[in-house]
Amino acid sequence: MAPESIEGIPVTVVVIWILCAAGWGVVLAGLRRGLRGRERGPALFAHTVTPAGVVLTFAVLGYGSLYATIALAAEWWSLAAVTGFQPARLVAGGGLRRLAAWLLVTAAVTYVTGRLVLGR
């Protein structure tokens, strides 16, 4: 039987954190592997500061960081899936279709995950 909480933190929250961190790492690896030249530095910097910025924004708006973590996990895994684990493809030729697919998949995954985790 699985525990309901780990040191007082619900297991589902820990799983979301792990999925978020793993998705962040997958996208980071794809950016490091796929980008060259002048765009590499700013893209890696923006990706590195995204988690803190998003969590801070959600806190300022009055939402908990769990909402942000669910959204970020969905965003990164959807990006990896839509671009074939090569995030640079998002802005390559035909990028508008990929962008639309990424937004739709992200919205769907965020909605479903939010309903499952938050029970609303």
PDB file of N, CA and C in Angstrom:
ATOM      1  N   MET A   1       0.844  -1.176   0.000  1.00  0.00           N
ATOM      2  CA  MET A   1       0.000   0.000   0.000  1.00  0.00           C
ATOM      3  C   MET A   1       0.893   1.244   0.000  1.00  0.00           C
ATOM      4  N   ALA A   2       0.622   2.160  -0.913  1.00  0.00           N
ATOM      5  CA  ALA A   2       1.424   3.373  -1.047  1.00  0.00           C
ATOM      6  C   ALA A   2       1.028   4.391   0.029  1.00  0.00           C
ATOM      7  N   PRO A   3       2.004   5.164   0.497  1.00  0.00           N
ATOM      8  CA  PRO A   3       1.675   6.181   1.503  1.00  0.00           C
ATOM      9  C   PRO A   3       0.875   7.320   0.886  1.00  0.00           C
ATOM     10  N   GLU A   4       0.025   7.946   1.696  1.00  0.00           N
ATOM     11  CA  GLU A   4      -0.745   9.093   1.225  1.00  0.00           C
ATOM     12  C   GLU A   4       0.066  10.374   1.248  1.00  0.00           C
ATOM     13  N   SER A   5       1.091  10.400   2.103  1.00  0.00           N
ATOM     14  CA  SER A   5       1.925  11.588   2.159  1.00  0.00           C
ATOM     15  C   SER A   5       3.361  11.200   2.502  1.00  0.00           C
ATOM     16  N   ILE A   6       4.256  12.060   2.098  1.00  0.00           N
ATOM     17  CA  ILE A   6       5.673  11.889   2.409  1.00  0.00           C
ATOM     18  C   ILE A   6       6.069  13.112   3.240  1.00  0.00           C
ATOM     19  N   GLU A   7       6.326  12.873   4.512  1.00  0.00           N
ATOM     20  CA  GLU A   7       6.656  13.964   5.438  1.00  0.00           C
ATOM     21  C   GLU A   7       5.598  15.062   5.407  1.00  0.00           C
ATOM     22  N   GLY A   8       4.343  14.683   5.278  1.00  0.00           N
ATOM     23  CA  GLY A   8       3.246  15.637   5.301  1.00  0.00           C
ATOM     24  C   GLY A   8       2.882  16.223   3.950  1.00  0.00           C
ATOM     25  N   ILE A   9       3.640  15.922   2.911  1.00  0.00           N
ATOM     26  CA  ILE A   9       3.353  16.423   1.572  1.00  0.00           C
ATOM     27  C   ILE A   9       2.635  15.318   0.806  1.00  0.00           C
ATOM     28  N   PRO A  10       1.465  15.602   0.248  1.00  0.00           N
ATOM     29  CA  PRO A  10       0.747  14.559  -0.496  1.00  0.00           C
ATOM     30  C   PRO A  10       1.595  13.968  -1.627  1.00  0.00           C
ATOM     31  N   VAL A  11       1.475  12.673  -1.832  1.00  0.00           N
ATOM     32  CA  VAL A  11       2.270  11.977  -2.846  1.00  0.00           C
ATOM     33  C   VAL A  11       2.013  12.543  -4.234  1.00  0.00           C
ATOM     34  N   THR A  12       0.769  12.926  -4.530  1.00  0.00           N
ATOM     35  CA  THR A  12       0.486  13.474  -5.856  1.00  0.00           C
ATOM     36  C   THR A  12       1.252  14.766  -6.110  1.00  0.00           C
ATOM     37  N   VAL A  13       1.441  15.566  -5.081  1.00  0.00           N
ATOM     38  CA  VAL A  13       2.216  16.800  -5.219  1.00  0.00           C
ATOM     39  C   VAL A  13       3.680  16.464  -5.501  1.00  0.00           C
ATOM     40  N   VAL A  14       4.218  15.481  -4.803  1.00  0.00           N
ATOM     41  CA  VAL A  14       5.606  15.067  -5.036  1.00  0.00           C
ATOM     42  C   VAL A  14       5.769  14.551  -6.463  1.00  0.00           C
ATOM     43  N   VAL A  15       4.801  13.782  -6.940  1.00  0.00           N
ATOM     44  CA  VAL A  15       4.854  13.264  -8.313  1.00  0.00           C
ATOM     45  C   VAL A  15       4.820  14.409  -9.315  1.00  0.00           C
ATOM     46  N   ILE A  16       3.971  15.408  -9.086  1.00  0.00           N
ATOM     47  CA  ILE A  16       3.912  16.575  -9.986  1.00  0.00           C
ATOM     48  C   ILE A  16       5.248  17.306  -9.975  1.00  0.00           C
ATOM     49  N   TRP A  17       5.858  17.485  -8.814  1.00  0.00           N
ATOM     50  CA  TRP A  17       7.167  18.139  -8.734  1.00  0.00           C
ATOM     51  C   TRP A  17       8.211  17.364  -9.537  1.00  0.00           C
ATOM     52  N   ILE A  18       8.204  16.048  -9.385  1.00  0.00           N
ATOM     53  CA  ILE A  18       9.179  15.212 -10.104  1.00  0.00           C
ATOM     54  C   ILE A  18       8.945  15.308 -11.609  1.00  0.00           C
ATOM     55  N   LEU A  19       7.685  15.232 -12.038  1.00  0.00           N
ATOM     56  CA  LEU A  19       7.380  15.359 -13.464  1.00  0.00           C
ATOM     57  C   LEU A  19       7.785  16.733 -14.002  1.00  0.00           C
ATOM     58  N   CYS A  20       7.572  17.758 -13.207  1.00  0.00           N
ATOM     59  CA  CYS A  20       7.947  19.109 -13.619  1.00  0.00           C
ATOM     60  C   CYS A  20       9.466  19.222 -13.764  1.00  0.00           C
ATOM     61  N   ALA A  21      10.191  18.750 -12.778  1.00  0.00           N
ATOM     62  CA  ALA A  21      11.657  18.809 -12.840  1.00  0.00           C
ATOM     63  C   ALA A  21      12.199  17.978 -13.993  1.00  0.00           C
ATOM     64  N   ALA A  22      11.629  16.808 -14.221  1.00  0.00           N
ATOM     65  CA  ALA A  22      12.085  15.958 -15.321  1.00  0.00           C
ATOM     66  C   ALA A  22      11.769  16.608 -16.669  1.00  0.00           C
ATOM     67  N   GLY A  23      10.596  17.199 -16.808  1.00  0.00           N
ATOM     68  CA  GLY A  23      10.243  17.897 -18.046  1.00  0.00           C
ATOM     69  C   GLY A  23      11.154  19.078 -18.305  1.00  0.00           C
ATOM     70  N   TRP A  24      11.475  19.819 -17.243  1.00  0.00           N
ATOM     71  CA  TRP A  24      12.404  20.940 -17.365  1.00  0.00           C
ATOM     72  C   TRP A  24      13.758  20.436 -17.863  1.00  0.00           C
ATOM     73  N   GLY A  25      14.216  19.322 -17.318  1.00  0.00           N
ATOM     74  CA  GLY A  25      15.498  18.754 -17.738  1.00  0.00           C
ATOM     75  C   GLY A  25      15.479  18.261 -19.175  1.00  0.00           C
ATOM     76  N   VAL A  26      14.370  17.662 -19.584  1.00  0.00           N
ATOM     77  CA  VAL A  26      14.254  17.184 -20.969  1.00  0.00           C
ATOM     78  C   VAL A  26      14.321  18.356 -21.945  1.00  0.00           C
ATOM     79  N   VAL A  27      13.596  19.424 -21.653  1.00  0.00           N
ATOM     80  CA  VAL A  27      13.624  20.595 -22.532  1.00  0.00           C
ATOM     81  C   VAL A  27      15.011  21.248 -22.507  1.00  0.00           C
ATOM     82  N   LEU A  28      15.633  21.327 -21.345  1.00  0.00           N
ATOM     83  CA  LEU A  28      16.983  21.883 -21.256  1.00  0.00           C
ATOM     84  C   LEU A  28      17.953  21.084 -22.109  1.00  0.00           C
ATOM     85  N   ALA A  29      17.889  19.776 -22.022  1.00  0.00           N
ATOM     86  CA  ALA A  29      18.776  18.931 -22.835  1.00  0.00           C
ATOM     87  C   ALA A  29      18.515  19.152 -24.318  1.00  0.00           C
ATOM     88  N   GLY A  30      17.253  19.275 -24.695  1.00  0.00           N
ATOM     89  CA  GLY A  30      16.927  19.533 -26.096  1.00  0.00           C
ATOM     90  C   GLY A  30      17.433  20.881 -26.565  1.00  0.00           C
ATOM     91  N   LEU A  31      17.339  21.892 -25.720  1.00  0.00           N
ATOM     92  CA  LEU A  31      17.848  23.217 -26.077  1.00  0.00           C
ATOM     93  C   LEU A  31      19.369  23.205 -26.200  1.00  0.00           C
ATOM     94  N   ARG A  32      20.030  22.557 -25.267  1.00  0.00           N
ATOM     95  CA  ARG A  32      21.501  22.495 -25.312  1.00  0.00           C
ATOM     96  C   ARG A  32      21.994  21.751 -26.536  1.00  0.00           C
ATOM     97  N   ARG A  33      21.271  20.708 -26.902  1.00  0.00           N
ATOM     98  CA  ARG A  33      21.670  19.887 -28.044  1.00  0.00           C
ATOM     99  C   ARG A  33      21.314  20.566 -29.370  1.00  0.00           C
ATOM    100  N   GLY A  34      20.178  21.255 -29.421  1.00  0.00           N
ATOM    101  CA  GLY A  34      19.662  21.740 -30.688  1.00  0.00           C
ATOM    102  C   GLY A  34      20.001  23.160 -31.072  1.00  0.00           C
ATOM    103  N   LEU A  35      20.353  24.000 -30.125  1.00  0.00           N
ATOM    104  CA  LEU A  35      20.617  25.402 -30.448  1.00  0.00           C
ATOM    105  C   LEU A  35      22.110  25.670 -30.575  1.00  0.00           C
ATOM    106  N   ARG A  36      22.439  26.473 -31.562  1.00  0.00           N
ATOM    107  CA  ARG A  36      23.818  26.902 -31.771  1.00  0.00           C
ATOM    108  C   ARG A  36      23.809  28.398 -32.071  1.00  0.00           C
ATOM    109  N   GLY A  37      24.930  29.010 -31.874  1.00  0.00           N
ATOM    110  CA  GLY A  37      25.061  30.415 -32.237  1.00  0.00           C
ATOM    111  C   GLY A  37      24.570  31.367 -31.166  1.00  0.00           C
ATOM    112  N   ARG A  38      24.171  32.558 -31.643  1.00  0.00           N
ATOM    113  CA  ARG A  38      23.803  33.643 -30.730  1.00  0.00           C
ATOM    114  C   ARG A  38      22.525  33.389 -29.948  1.00  0.00           C
ATOM    115  N   GLU A  39      21.609  32.598 -30.479  1.00  0.00           N
ATOM    116  CA  GLU A  39      20.333  32.380 -29.780  1.00  0.00           C
ATOM    117  C   GLU A  39      20.444  31.399 -28.627  1.00  0.00           C
ATOM    118  N   ARG A  40      21.534  30.662 -28.547  1.00  0.00           N
ATOM    119  CA  ARG A  40      21.669  29.633 -27.509  1.00  0.00           C
ATOM    120  C   ARG A  40      21.697  30.220 -26.095  1.00  0.00           C
ATOM    121  N   GLY A  41      22.525  31.215 -25.873  1.00  0.00           N
ATOM    122  CA  GLY A  41      22.664  31.810 -24.538  1.00  0.00           C
ATOM    123  C   GLY A  41      21.359  32.362 -23.982  1.00  0.00           C
ATOM    124  N   PRO A  42      20.675  33.250 -24.724  1.00  0.00           N
ATOM    125  CA  PRO A  42      19.408  33.787 -24.213  1.00  0.00           C
ATOM    126  C   PRO A  42      18.336  32.719 -24.000  1.00  0.00           C
ATOM    127  N   ALA A  43      18.290  31.722 -24.883  1.00  0.00           N
ATOM    128  CA  ALA A  43      17.287  30.660 -24.732  1.00  0.00           C
ATOM    129  C   ALA A  43      17.548  29.845 -23.470  1.00  0.00           C
ATOM    130  N   LEU A  44      18.795  29.510 -23.220  1.00  0.00           N
ATOM    131  CA  LEU A  44      19.132  28.741 -22.015  1.00  0.00           C
ATOM    132  C   LEU A  44      18.891  29.565 -20.757  1.00  0.00           C
ATOM    133  N   PHE A  45      19.224  30.850 -20.811  1.00  0.00           N
ATOM    134  CA  PHE A  45      18.981  31.718 -19.657  1.00  0.00           C
ATOM    135  C   PHE A  45      17.481  31.820 -19.364  1.00  0.00           C
ATOM    136  N   ALA A  46      16.691  32.061 -20.401  1.00  0.00           N
ATOM    137  CA  ALA A  46      15.235  32.179 -20.220  1.00  0.00           C
ATOM    138  C   ALA A  46      14.653  30.883 -19.668  1.00  0.00           C
ATOM    139  N   HIS A  47      15.130  29.759 -20.172  1.00  0.00           N
ATOM    140  CA  HIS A  47      14.619  28.477 -19.679  1.00  0.00           C
ATOM    141  C   HIS A  47      15.014  28.265 -18.214  1.00  0.00           C
ATOM    142  N   THR A  48      16.195  28.697 -17.847  1.00  0.00           N
ATOM    143  CA  THR A  48      16.682  28.513 -16.477  1.00  0.00           C
ATOM    144  C   THR A  48      15.879  29.333 -15.472  1.00  0.00           C
ATOM    145  N   VAL A  49      15.496  30.554 -15.824  1.00  0.00           N
ATOM    146  CA  VAL A  49      14.776  31.409 -14.874  1.00  0.00           C
ATOM    147  C   VAL A  49      13.263  31.228 -14.926  1.00  0.00           C
ATOM    148  N   THR A  50      12.763  30.469 -15.878  1.00  0.00           N
ATOM    149  CA  THR A  50      11.317  30.287 -16.015  1.00  0.00           C
ATOM    150  C   THR A  50      10.648  29.727 -14.764  1.00  0.00           C
ATOM    151  N   PRO A  51      11.153  28.630 -14.144  1.00  0.00           N
ATOM    152  CA  PRO A  51      10.436  28.095 -12.975  1.00  0.00           C
ATOM    153  C   PRO A  51      10.250  29.113 -11.855  1.00  0.00           C
ATOM    154  N   ALA A  52      11.305  29.816 -11.512  1.00  0.00           N
ATOM    155  CA  ALA A  52      11.200  30.793 -10.433  1.00  0.00           C
ATOM    156  C   ALA A  52      10.255  31.928 -10.809  1.00  0.00           C
ATOM    157  N   GLY A  53      10.339  32.393 -12.032  1.00  0.00           N
ATOM    158  CA  GLY A  53       9.480  33.476 -12.482  1.00  0.00           C
ATOM    159  C   GLY A  53       8.007  33.102 -12.488  1.00  0.00           C
ATOM    160  N   VAL A  54       7.711  31.900 -12.937  1.00  0.00           N
ATOM    161  CA  VAL A  54       6.314  31.466 -12.993  1.00  0.00           C
ATOM    162  C   VAL A  54       5.746  31.269 -11.592  1.00  0.00           C
ATOM    163  N   VAL A  55       6.500  30.627 -10.730  1.00  0.00           N
ATOM    164  CA  VAL A  55       6.026  30.411  -9.357  1.00  0.00           C
ATOM    165  C   VAL A  55       5.834  31.751  -8.650  1.00  0.00           C
ATOM    166  N   LEU A  56       6.752  32.694  -8.843  1.00  0.00           N
ATOM    167  CA  LEU A  56       6.615  34.021  -8.246  1.00  0.00           C
ATOM    168  C   LEU A  56       5.385  34.739  -8.786  1.00  0.00           C
ATOM    169  N   THR A  57       5.157  34.644 -10.093  1.00  0.00           N
ATOM    170  CA  THR A  57       3.976  35.276 -10.695  1.00  0.00           C
ATOM    171  C   THR A  57       2.690  34.699 -10.124  1.00  0.00           C
ATOM    172  N   PHE A  58       2.620  33.381 -10.008  1.00  0.00           N
ATOM    173  CA  PHE A  58       1.418  32.758  -9.444  1.00  0.00           C
ATOM    174  C   PHE A  58       1.225  33.180  -7.987  1.00  0.00           C
ATOM    175  N   ALA A  59       2.314  33.311  -7.245  1.00  0.00           N
ATOM    176  CA  ALA A  59       2.210  33.730  -5.844  1.00  0.00           C
ATOM    177  C   ALA A  59       1.690  35.168  -5.742  1.00  0.00           C
ATOM    178  N   VAL A  60       2.182  36.034  -6.609  1.00  0.00           N
ATOM    179  CA  VAL A  60       1.740  37.426  -6.598  1.00  0.00           C
ATOM    180  C   VAL A  60       0.264  37.525  -6.970  1.00  0.00           C
ATOM    181  N   LEU A  61      -0.175  36.681  -7.905  1.00  0.00           N
ATOM    182  CA  LEU A  61      -1.575  36.694  -8.329  1.00  0.00           C
ATOM    183  C   LEU A  61      -2.505  36.051  -7.307  1.00  0.00           C
ATOM    184  N   GLY A  62      -1.934  35.342  -6.331  1.00  0.00           N
ATOM    185  CA  GLY A  62      -2.749  34.747  -5.288  1.00  0.00           C
ATOM    186  C   GLY A  62      -3.048  33.271  -5.458  1.00  0.00           C
ATOM    187  N   TYR A  63      -2.410  32.643  -6.432  1.00  0.00           N
ATOM    188  CA  TYR A  63      -2.568  31.208  -6.612  1.00  0.00           C
ATOM    189  C   TYR A  63      -1.394  30.495  -5.959  1.00  0.00           C
ATOM    190  N   GLY A  64      -1.589  29.267  -5.585  1.00  0.00           N
ATOM    191  CA  GLY A  64      -0.501  28.500  -5.010  1.00  0.00           C
ATOM    192  C   GLY A  64       0.466  28.015  -6.076  1.00  0.00           C
ATOM    193  N   SER A  65       1.630  27.602  -5.641  1.00  0.00           N
ATOM    194  CA  SER A  65       2.629  27.138  -6.602  1.00  0.00           C
ATOM    195  C   SER A  65       2.262  25.795  -7.220  1.00  0.00           C
ATOM    196  N   LEU A  66       1.299  25.075  -6.646  1.00  0.00           N
ATOM    197  CA  LEU A  66       0.882  23.813  -7.242  1.00  0.00           C
ATOM    198  C   LEU A  66       0.259  24.049  -8.618  1.00  0.00           C
ATOM    199  N   TYR A  67      -0.537  25.102  -8.752  1.00  0.00           N
ATOM    200  CA  TYR A  67      -1.099  25.444 -10.056  1.00  0.00           C
ATOM    201  C   TYR A  67       0.020  25.698 -11.075  1.00  0.00           C
ATOM    202  N   ALA A  68       1.022  26.461 -10.655  1.00  0.00           N
ATOM    203  CA  ALA A  68       2.146  26.761 -11.542  1.00  0.00           C
ATOM    204  C   ALA A  68       2.914  25.501 -11.896  1.00  0.00           C
ATOM    205  N   THR A  69       3.110  24.637 -10.931  1.00  0.00           N
ATOM    206  CA  THR A  69       3.864  23.408 -11.178  1.00  0.00           C
ATOM    207  C   THR A  69       3.124  22.498 -12.144  1.00  0.00           C
ATOM    208  N   ILE A  70       1.818  22.397 -11.998  1.00  0.00           N
ATOM    209  CA  ILE A  70       1.021  21.600 -12.931  1.00  0.00           C
ATOM    210  C   ILE A  70       1.116  22.185 -14.336  1.00  0.00           C
ATOM    211  N   ALA A  71       0.978  23.497 -14.436  1.00  0.00           N
ATOM    212  CA  ALA A  71       1.044  24.152 -15.750  1.00  0.00           C
ATOM    213  C   ALA A  71       2.426  23.982 -16.390  1.00  0.00           C
ATOM    214  N   LEU A  72       3.480  24.144 -15.601  1.00  0.00           N
ATOM    215  CA  LEU A  72       4.831  24.002 -16.150  1.00  0.00           C
ATOM    216  C   LEU A  72       5.123  22.568 -16.585  1.00  0.00           C
ATOM    217  N   ALA A  73       4.720  21.608 -15.783  1.00  0.00           N
ATOM    218  CA  ALA A  73       4.947  20.207 -16.156  1.00  0.00           C
ATOM    219  C   ALA A  73       4.229  19.887 -17.462  1.00  0.00           C
ATOM    220  N   ALA A  74       2.982  20.326 -17.573  1.00  0.00           N
ATOM    221  CA  ALA A  74       2.226  20.091 -18.806  1.00  0.00           C
ATOM    222  C   ALA A  74       2.882  20.798 -19.990  1.00  0.00           C
ATOM    223  N   GLU A  75       3.338  22.005 -19.764  1.00  0.00           N
ATOM    224  CA  GLU A  75       3.966  22.796 -20.820  1.00  0.00           C
ATOM    225  C   GLU A  75       5.236  22.127 -21.344  1.00  0.00           C
ATOM    226  N   TRP A  76       6.102  21.713 -20.445  1.00  0.00           N
ATOM    227  CA  TRP A  76       7.379  21.145 -20.881  1.00  0.00           C
ATOM    228  C   TRP A  76       7.218  19.781 -21.529  1.00  0.00           C
ATOM    229  N   TRP A  77       6.372  18.917 -20.966  1.00  0.00           N
ATOM    230  CA  TRP A  77       6.176  17.604 -21.582  1.00  0.00           C
ATOM    231  C   TRP A  77       5.430  17.726 -22.899  1.00  0.00           C
ATOM    232  N   SER A  78       4.511  18.662 -23.010  1.00  0.00           N
ATOM    233  CA  SER A  78       3.824  18.880 -24.288  1.00  0.00           C
ATOM    234  C   SER A  78       4.793  19.409 -25.332  1.00  0.00           C
ATOM    235  N   LEU A  79       5.671  20.315 -24.933  1.00  0.00           N
ATOM    236  CA  LEU A  79       6.682  20.837 -25.855  1.00  0.00           C
ATOM    237  C   LEU A  79       7.593  19.720 -26.348  1.00  0.00           C
ATOM    238  N   ALA A  80       8.015  18.872 -25.443  1.00  0.00           N
ATOM    239  CA  ALA A  80       8.873  17.746 -25.830  1.00  0.00           C
ATOM    240  C   ALA A  80       8.146  16.816 -26.794  1.00  0.00           C
ATOM    241  N   ALA A  81       6.884  16.548 -26.532  1.00  0.00           N
ATOM    242  CA  ALA A  81       6.123  15.637 -27.391  1.00  0.00           C
ATOM    243  C   ALA A  81       5.867  16.235 -28.773  1.00  0.00           C
ATOM    244  N   VAL A  82       5.468  17.500 -28.816  1.00  0.00           N
ATOM    245  CA  VAL A  82       5.114  18.141 -30.086  1.00  0.00           C
ATOM    246  C   VAL A  82       6.347  18.349 -30.972  1.00  0.00           C
ATOM    247  N   THR A  83       7.490  18.617 -30.368  1.00  0.00           N
ATOM    248  CA  THR A  83       8.696  18.893 -31.162  1.00  0.00           C
ATOM    249  C   THR A  83       9.598  17.677 -31.319  1.00  0.00           C
ATOM    250  N   GLY A  84       9.176  16.544 -30.834  1.00  0.00           N
ATOM    251  CA  GLY A  84      10.020  15.356 -30.950  1.00  0.00           C
ATOM    252  C   GLY A  84      11.296  15.477 -30.127  1.00  0.00           C
ATOM    253  N   PHE A  85      11.190  16.072 -28.956  1.00  0.00           N
ATOM    254  CA  PHE A  85      12.304  16.269 -28.025  1.00  0.00           C
ATOM    255  C   PHE A  85      13.395  17.179 -28.608  1.00  0.00           C
ATOM    256  N   GLN A  86      13.020  18.039 -29.550  1.00  0.00           N
ATOM    257  CA  GLN A  86      13.933  19.038 -30.111  1.00  0.00           C
ATOM    258  C   GLN A  86      13.210  20.386 -30.093  1.00  0.00           C
ATOM    259  N   PRO A  87      13.239  21.087 -28.952  1.00  0.00           N
ATOM    260  CA  PRO A  87      12.466  22.319 -28.799  1.00  0.00           C
ATOM    261  C   PRO A  87      12.776  23.393 -29.836  1.00  0.00           C
ATOM    262  N   ALA A  88      13.957  23.356 -30.438  1.00  0.00           N
ATOM    263  CA  ALA A  88      14.297  24.357 -31.458  1.00  0.00           C
ATOM    264  C   ALA A  88      13.375  24.247 -32.663  1.00  0.00           C
ATOM    265  N   ARG A  89      12.738  23.107 -32.855  1.00  0.00           N
ATOM    266  CA  ARG A  89      11.797  22.935 -33.965  1.00  0.00           C
ATOM    267  C   ARG A  89      10.581  23.841 -33.838  1.00  0.00           C
ATOM    268  N   LEU A  90      10.308  24.324 -32.642  1.00  0.00           N
ATOM    269  CA  LEU A  90       9.131  25.166 -32.432  1.00  0.00           C
ATOM    270  C   LEU A  90       9.203  26.430 -33.276  1.00  0.00           C
ATOM    271  N   VAL A  91      10.384  26.937 -33.499  1.00  0.00           N
ATOM    272  CA  VAL A  91      10.544  28.164 -34.282  1.00  0.00           C
ATOM    273  C   VAL A  91      11.117  27.893 -35.665  1.00  0.00           C
ATOM    274  N   ALA A  92      11.326  26.631 -36.004  1.00  0.00           N
ATOM    275  CA  ALA A  92      11.831  26.275 -37.324  1.00  0.00           C
ATOM    276  C   ALA A  92      10.691  26.381 -38.346  1.00  0.00           C
ATOM    277  N   GLY A  93      10.973  26.037 -39.578  1.00  0.00           N
ATOM    278  CA  GLY A  93       9.961  26.077 -40.631  1.00  0.00           C
ATOM    279  C   GLY A  93       8.722  25.291 -40.232  1.00  0.00           C
ATOM    280  N   GLY A  94       7.558  25.850 -40.482  1.00  0.00           N
ATOM    281  CA  GLY A  94       6.309  25.209 -40.080  1.00  0.00           C
ATOM    282  C   GLY A  94       6.031  25.349 -38.601  1.00  0.00           C
ATOM    283  N   GLY A  95       6.692  26.309 -37.964  1.00  0.00           N
ATOM    284  CA  GLY A  95       6.584  26.477 -36.524  1.00  0.00           C
ATOM    285  C   GLY A  95       5.209  26.888 -36.036  1.00  0.00           C
ATOM    286  N   LEU A  96       4.415  27.532 -36.901  1.00  0.00           N
ATOM    287  CA  LEU A  96       3.096  27.986 -36.467  1.00  0.00           C
ATOM    288  C   LEU A  96       2.179  26.803 -36.161  1.00  0.00           C
ATOM    289  N   ARG A  97       2.241  25.765 -36.960  1.00  0.00           N
ATOM    290  CA  ARG A  97       1.436  24.571 -36.674  1.00  0.00           C
ATOM    291  C   ARG A  97       1.888  23.899 -35.393  1.00  0.00           C
ATOM    292  N   ARG A  98       3.193  23.812 -35.208  1.00  0.00           N
ATOM    293  CA  ARG A  98       3.714  23.213 -33.969  1.00  0.00           C
ATOM    294  C   ARG A  98       3.322  24.046 -32.771  1.00  0.00           C
ATOM    295  N   LEU A  99       3.395  25.349 -32.907  1.00  0.00           N
ATOM    296  CA  LEU A  99       3.016  26.236 -31.808  1.00  0.00           C
ATOM    297  C   LEU A  99       1.557  26.027 -31.435  1.00  0.00           C
ATOM    298  N   ALA A 100       0.679  25.965 -32.433  1.00  0.00           N
ATOM    299  CA  ALA A 100      -0.737  25.734 -32.165  1.00  0.00           C
ATOM    300  C   ALA A 100      -0.952  24.374 -31.508  1.00  0.00           C
ATOM    301  N   ALA A 101      -0.259  23.354 -31.997  1.00  0.00           N
ATOM    302  CA  ALA A 101      -0.377  22.013 -31.407  1.00  0.00           C
ATOM    303  C   ALA A 101       0.128  22.030 -29.971  1.00  0.00           C
ATOM    304  N   TRP A 102       1.237  22.713 -29.735  1.00  0.00           N
ATOM    305  CA  TRP A 102       1.794  22.796 -28.381  1.00  0.00           C
ATOM    306  C   TRP A 102       0.804  23.465 -27.431  1.00  0.00           C
ATOM    307  N   LEU A 103       0.210  24.563 -27.868  1.00  0.00           N
ATOM    308  CA  LEU A 103      -0.743  25.269 -27.014  1.00  0.00           C
ATOM    309  C   LEU A 103      -1.974  24.409 -26.713  1.00  0.00           C
ATOM    310  N   LEU A 104      -2.490  23.723 -27.718  1.00  0.00           N
ATOM    311  CA  LEU A 104      -3.659  22.866 -27.502  1.00  0.00           C
ATOM    312  C   LEU A 104      -3.348  21.691 -26.580  1.00  0.00           C
ATOM    313  N   VAL A 105      -2.225  21.036 -26.812  1.00  0.00           N
ATOM    314  CA  VAL A 105      -1.847  19.894 -25.969  1.00  0.00           C
ATOM    315  C   VAL A 105      -1.586  20.360 -24.541  1.00  0.00           C
ATOM    316  N   THR A 106      -0.900  21.487 -24.394  1.00  0.00           N
ATOM    317  CA  THR A 106      -0.622  22.025 -23.059  1.00  0.00           C
ATOM    318  C   THR A 106      -1.914  22.343 -22.313  1.00  0.00           C
ATOM    319  N   ALA A 107      -2.846  22.999 -22.987  1.00  0.00           N
ATOM    320  CA  ALA A 107      -4.121  23.343 -22.343  1.00  0.00           C
ATOM    321  C   ALA A 107      -4.879  22.083 -21.921  1.00  0.00           C
ATOM    322  N   ALA A 108      -4.909  21.094 -22.787  1.00  0.00           N
ATOM    323  CA  ALA A 108      -5.626  19.858 -22.462  1.00  0.00           C
ATOM    324  C   ALA A 108      -4.979  19.119 -21.301  1.00  0.00           C
ATOM    325  N   VAL A 109      -3.664  18.992 -21.347  1.00  0.00           N
ATOM    326  CA  VAL A 109      -2.954  18.272 -20.276  1.00  0.00           C
ATOM    327  C   VAL A 109      -3.069  19.027 -18.954  1.00  0.00           C
ATOM    328  N   THR A 110      -2.960  20.344 -18.996  1.00  0.00           N
ATOM    329  CA  THR A 110      -3.098  21.140 -17.778  1.00  0.00           C
ATOM    330  C   THR A 110      -4.493  20.975 -17.181  1.00  0.00           C
ATOM    331  N   TYR A 111      -5.507  21.038 -18.017  1.00  0.00           N
ATOM    332  CA  TYR A 111      -6.883  20.892 -17.544  1.00  0.00           C
ATOM    333  C   TYR A 111      -7.101  19.516 -16.910  1.00  0.00           C
ATOM    334  N   VAL A 112      -6.714  18.472 -17.625  1.00  0.00           N
ATOM    335  CA  VAL A 112      -6.937  17.107 -17.125  1.00  0.00           C
ATOM    336  C   VAL A 112      -6.138  16.862 -15.845  1.00  0.00           C
ATOM    337  N   THR A 113      -4.875  17.263 -15.837  1.00  0.00           N
ATOM    338  CA  THR A 113      -4.046  17.058 -14.652  1.00  0.00           C
ATOM    339  C   THR A 113      -4.584  17.859 -13.469  1.00  0.00           C
ATOM    340  N   GLY A 114      -4.985  19.074 -13.711  1.00  0.00           N
ATOM    341  CA  GLY A 114      -5.563  19.893 -12.647  1.00  0.00           C
ATOM    342  C   GLY A 114      -6.810  19.265 -12.054  1.00  0.00           C
ATOM    343  N   ARG A 115      -7.655  18.739 -12.917  1.00  0.00           N
ATOM    344  CA  ARG A 115      -8.872  18.069 -12.429  1.00  0.00           C
ATOM    345  C   ARG A 115      -8.527  16.823 -11.603  1.00  0.00           C
ATOM    346  N   LEU A 116      -7.540  16.055 -12.077  1.00  0.00           N
ATOM    347  CA  LEU A 116      -7.160  14.840 -11.357  1.00  0.00           C
ATOM    348  C   LEU A 116      -6.502  15.144 -10.012  1.00  0.00           C
ATOM    349  N   VAL A 117      -5.574  16.068 -10.016  1.00  0.00           N
ATOM    350  CA  VAL A 117      -4.804  16.359  -8.805  1.00  0.00           C
ATOM    351  C   VAL A 117      -5.613  17.192  -7.813  1.00  0.00           C
ATOM    352  N   LEU A 118      -6.290  18.205  -8.303  1.00  0.00           N
ATOM    353  CA  LEU A 118      -6.996  19.110  -7.415  1.00  0.00           C
ATOM    354  C   LEU A 118      -8.424  18.675  -7.124  1.00  0.00           C
ATOM    355  N   GLY A 119      -8.927  17.741  -7.918  1.00  0.00           N
ATOM    356  CA  GLY A 119     -10.260  17.209  -7.671  1.00  0.00           C
ATOM    357  C   GLY A 119     -11.383  18.190  -7.927  1.00  0.00           C
ATOM    358  N   ARG A 120     -11.185  19.082  -8.863  1.00  0.00           N
ATOM    359  CA  ARG A 120     -12.226  20.093  -9.155  1.00  0.00           C
ATOM    360  C   ARG A 120     -12.768  19.883 -10.521  1.00  0.00           C
TER     361      ARG A 120
END
